[in-house]
Amino acid sequence: MWGESRDHDGNGAAGSRSLHGTWGIFDEDDGLSWRNRALCSQTDPEVFFPEKGGSTRDAKQVCELCEVREQCLDWAVDHDERFGIWGGMSERERRLYKKERRRA
């Protein structure tokens, strides 16, 4: 999911593990070291961004086993991420979670 950085032609940058180009949201010095341990980094990203009405089951199964699930979910909620499965939750589930978290 996080993958190697790519140049403008889509070629992998040799020896680079820069995440800056990934979805345009991560920077090398952003304090998100948890992402390197995320199981989704070893999974096809399309699993986490299903078509509208598509199944989220496979993504959630990966998230269930992930050691950084909480950090991922916190990041998605804190940054109002509106697409994909993050921390084992869909966008709708994250909205409800965020509401309940505010009430507590």
C-alpha atoms as a PDB file:
ATOM      1  CA  MET A   1       0.000   0.000   0.000  1.00  0.00           C
ATOM      2  CA  TRP A   2       2.757   2.453   0.819  1.00  0.00           C
ATOM      3  CA  GLY A   3       5.188   1.056  -1.762  1.00  0.00           C
ATOM      4  CA  GLU A   4       8.244   2.584  -3.375  1.00  0.00           C
ATOM      5  CA  SER A   5       8.340   6.105  -4.670  1.00  0.00           C
ATOM      6  CA  ARG A   6       7.873   6.443  -8.404  1.00  0.00           C
ATOM      7  CA  ASP A   7       9.079   8.997 -10.887  1.00  0.00           C
ATOM      8  CA  HIS A   8       6.728  10.763 -13.299  1.00  0.00           C
ATOM      9  CA  ASP A   9       6.934   7.849 -15.740  1.00  0.00           C
ATOM     10  CA  GLY A  10       5.861   5.337 -13.075  1.00  0.00           C
ATOM     11  CA  ASN A  11       9.330   3.808 -12.706  1.00  0.00           C
ATOM     12  CA  GLY A  12      10.457   2.778  -9.241  1.00  0.00           C
ATOM     13  CA  ALA A  13      13.179   4.892  -7.737  1.00  0.00           C
ATOM     14  CA  ALA A  14      16.121   2.546  -7.245  1.00  0.00           C
ATOM     15  CA  GLY A  15      16.904   1.944  -3.585  1.00  0.00           C
ATOM     16  CA  SER A  16      14.294   4.448  -2.460  1.00  0.00           C
ATOM     17  CA  ARG A  17      11.633   3.788   0.136  1.00  0.00           C
ATOM     18  CA  SER A  18      10.305   7.340   0.053  1.00  0.00           C
ATOM     19  CA  LEU A  19       6.617   7.512   0.794  1.00  0.00           C
ATOM     20  CA  HIS A  20       6.163  11.111  -0.287  1.00  0.00           C
ATOM     21  CA  GLY A  21       4.609  10.125  -3.601  1.00  0.00           C
ATOM     22  CA  THR A  22       2.182   7.618  -2.111  1.00  0.00           C
ATOM     23  CA  TRP A  23      -1.273   9.117  -2.485  1.00  0.00           C
ATOM     24  CA  GLY A  24       0.395  12.497  -1.987  1.00  0.00           C
ATOM     25  CA  ILE A  25      -0.251  12.360   1.775  1.00  0.00           C
ATOM     26  CA  PHE A  26       2.901  11.074   3.432  1.00  0.00           C
ATOM     27  CA  ASP A  27       6.219  12.799   3.829  1.00  0.00           C
ATOM     28  CA  GLU A  28       9.490  11.306   5.088  1.00  0.00           C
ATOM     29  CA  ASP A  29       9.499  13.412   8.271  1.00  0.00           C
ATOM     30  CA  ASP A  30       5.813  13.360   9.144  1.00  0.00           C
ATOM     31  CA  GLY A  31       6.108  11.187  12.267  1.00  0.00           C
ATOM     32  CA  LEU A  32       4.126   8.316  10.765  1.00  0.00           C
ATOM     33  CA  SER A  33       6.652   5.547  11.376  1.00  0.00           C
ATOM     34  CA  TRP A  34       3.759   3.156  12.079  1.00  0.00           C
ATOM     35  CA  ARG A  35       3.026   2.992   8.360  1.00  0.00           C
ATOM     36  CA  ASN A  36       6.183   0.978   7.750  1.00  0.00           C
ATOM     37  CA  ARG A  37       4.777  -1.815   9.922  1.00  0.00           C
ATOM     38  CA  ALA A  38       1.279  -1.741   8.405  1.00  0.00           C
ATOM     39  CA  LEU A  39       0.153  -5.007   6.831  1.00  0.00           C
ATOM     40  CA  CYS A  40      -1.544  -3.065   4.059  1.00  0.00           C
ATOM     41  CA  SER A  41       1.908  -2.142   2.771  1.00  0.00           C
ATOM     42  CA  GLN A  42       2.173  -5.778   1.660  1.00  0.00           C
ATOM     43  CA  THR A  43      -1.301  -5.879   0.101  1.00  0.00           C
ATOM     44  CA  ASP A  44      -2.794  -4.629  -3.156  1.00  0.00           C
ATOM     45  CA  PRO A  45      -4.051  -1.065  -2.420  1.00  0.00           C
ATOM     46  CA  GLU A  46      -7.216  -1.685  -4.434  1.00  0.00           C
ATOM     47  CA  VAL A  47      -8.380  -3.984  -1.632  1.00  0.00           C
ATOM     48  CA  PHE A  48      -8.638  -0.914   0.632  1.00  0.00           C
ATOM     49  CA  PHE A  49     -10.492   1.214  -1.910  1.00  0.00           C
ATOM     50  CA  PRO A  50     -13.336  -0.964  -3.185  1.00  0.00           C
ATOM     51  CA  GLU A  51     -15.787   0.230  -5.804  1.00  0.00           C
ATOM     52  CA  LYS A  52     -18.969   1.795  -4.422  1.00  0.00           C
ATOM     53  CA  GLY A  53     -21.057  -1.050  -3.036  1.00  0.00           C
ATOM     54  CA  GLY A  54     -18.073  -3.428  -3.216  1.00  0.00           C
ATOM     55  CA  SER A  55     -16.978  -5.700  -0.406  1.00  0.00           C
ATOM     56  CA  THR A  56     -14.776  -4.366   2.381  1.00  0.00           C
ATOM     57  CA  ARG A  57     -14.315  -7.820   3.912  1.00  0.00           C
ATOM     58  CA  ASP A  58     -10.807  -8.524   2.568  1.00  0.00           C
ATOM     59  CA  ALA A  59      -9.445  -5.158   3.710  1.00  0.00           C
ATOM     60  CA  LYS A  60     -10.976  -5.526   7.150  1.00  0.00           C
ATOM     61  CA  GLN A  61      -9.475  -8.999   7.504  1.00  0.00           C
ATOM     62  CA  VAL A  62      -6.023  -7.547   6.836  1.00  0.00           C
ATOM     63  CA  CYS A  63      -6.669  -4.754   9.343  1.00  0.00           C
ATOM     64  CA  GLU A  64      -7.776  -7.250  12.015  1.00  0.00           C
ATOM     65  CA  LEU A  65      -4.302  -8.764  12.042  1.00  0.00           C
ATOM     66  CA  CYS A  66      -2.383  -5.479  11.799  1.00  0.00           C
ATOM     67  CA  GLU A  67      -0.309  -4.330  14.773  1.00  0.00           C
ATOM     68  CA  VAL A  68      -0.749  -0.635  13.879  1.00  0.00           C
ATOM     69  CA  ARG A  69      -4.500  -0.658  13.367  1.00  0.00           C
ATOM     70  CA  GLU A  70      -5.139   1.908  16.109  1.00  0.00           C
ATOM     71  CA  GLN A  71      -2.548   4.369  14.782  1.00  0.00           C
ATOM     72  CA  CYS A  72      -3.987   4.002  11.288  1.00  0.00           C
ATOM     73  CA  LEU A  73      -7.534   4.598  12.497  1.00  0.00           C
ATOM     74  CA  ASP A  74      -6.458   7.585  14.589  1.00  0.00           C
ATOM     75  CA  TRP A  75      -4.676   9.100  11.591  1.00  0.00           C
ATOM     76  CA  ALA A  76      -7.724   8.636   9.340  1.00  0.00           C
ATOM     77  CA  VAL A  77     -10.096  10.149  11.911  1.00  0.00           C
ATOM     78  CA  ASP A  78      -7.776  13.043  12.777  1.00  0.00           C
ATOM     79  CA  HIS A  79      -7.292  13.878   9.079  1.00  0.00           C
ATOM     80  CA  ASP A  80     -10.947  13.382   8.127  1.00  0.00           C
ATOM     81  CA  GLU A  81     -10.022  10.726   5.561  1.00  0.00           C
ATOM     82  CA  ARG A  82     -13.123  10.136   3.457  1.00  0.00           C
ATOM     83  CA  PHE A  83     -12.086   7.269   1.225  1.00  0.00           C
ATOM     84  CA  GLY A  84     -11.033   3.703   1.762  1.00  0.00           C
ATOM     85  CA  ILE A  85     -10.669   1.354   4.679  1.00  0.00           C
ATOM     86  CA  TRP A  86      -8.396   2.700   7.416  1.00  0.00           C
ATOM     87  CA  GLY A  87      -7.861   1.000  10.759  1.00  0.00           C
ATOM     88  CA  GLY A  88     -10.474  -1.582   9.817  1.00  0.00           C
ATOM     89  CA  MET A  89     -13.275   0.926   9.308  1.00  0.00           C
ATOM     90  CA  SER A  90     -15.074   2.343   6.289  1.00  0.00           C
ATOM     91  CA  GLU A  91     -15.698   6.075   5.951  1.00  0.00           C
ATOM     92  CA  ARG A  92     -19.226   5.694   7.339  1.00  0.00           C
ATOM     93  CA  GLU A  93     -17.959   3.658  10.308  1.00  0.00           C
ATOM     94  CA  ARG A  94     -15.265   6.268  10.992  1.00  0.00           C
ATOM     95  CA  ARG A  95     -17.882   9.061  11.015  1.00  0.00           C
ATOM     96  CA  LEU A  96     -19.902   7.190  13.650  1.00  0.00           C
ATOM     97  CA  TYR A  97     -16.752   6.395  15.617  1.00  0.00           C
ATOM     98  CA  LYS A  98     -15.740  10.060  15.536  1.00  0.00           C
ATOM     99  CA  LYS A  99     -19.203  11.157  16.784  1.00  0.00           C
ATOM    100  CA  GLU A 100     -19.081   8.671  19.643  1.00  0.00           C
ATOM    101  CA  ARG A 101     -15.547   9.696  20.524  1.00  0.00           C
ATOM    102  CA  ARG A 102     -16.669  13.339  20.802  1.00  0.00           C
ATOM    103  CA  ARG A 103     -19.537  12.367  23.133  1.00  0.00           C
ATOM    104  CA  ALA A 104     -17.214  10.504  25.513  1.00  0.00           C
END
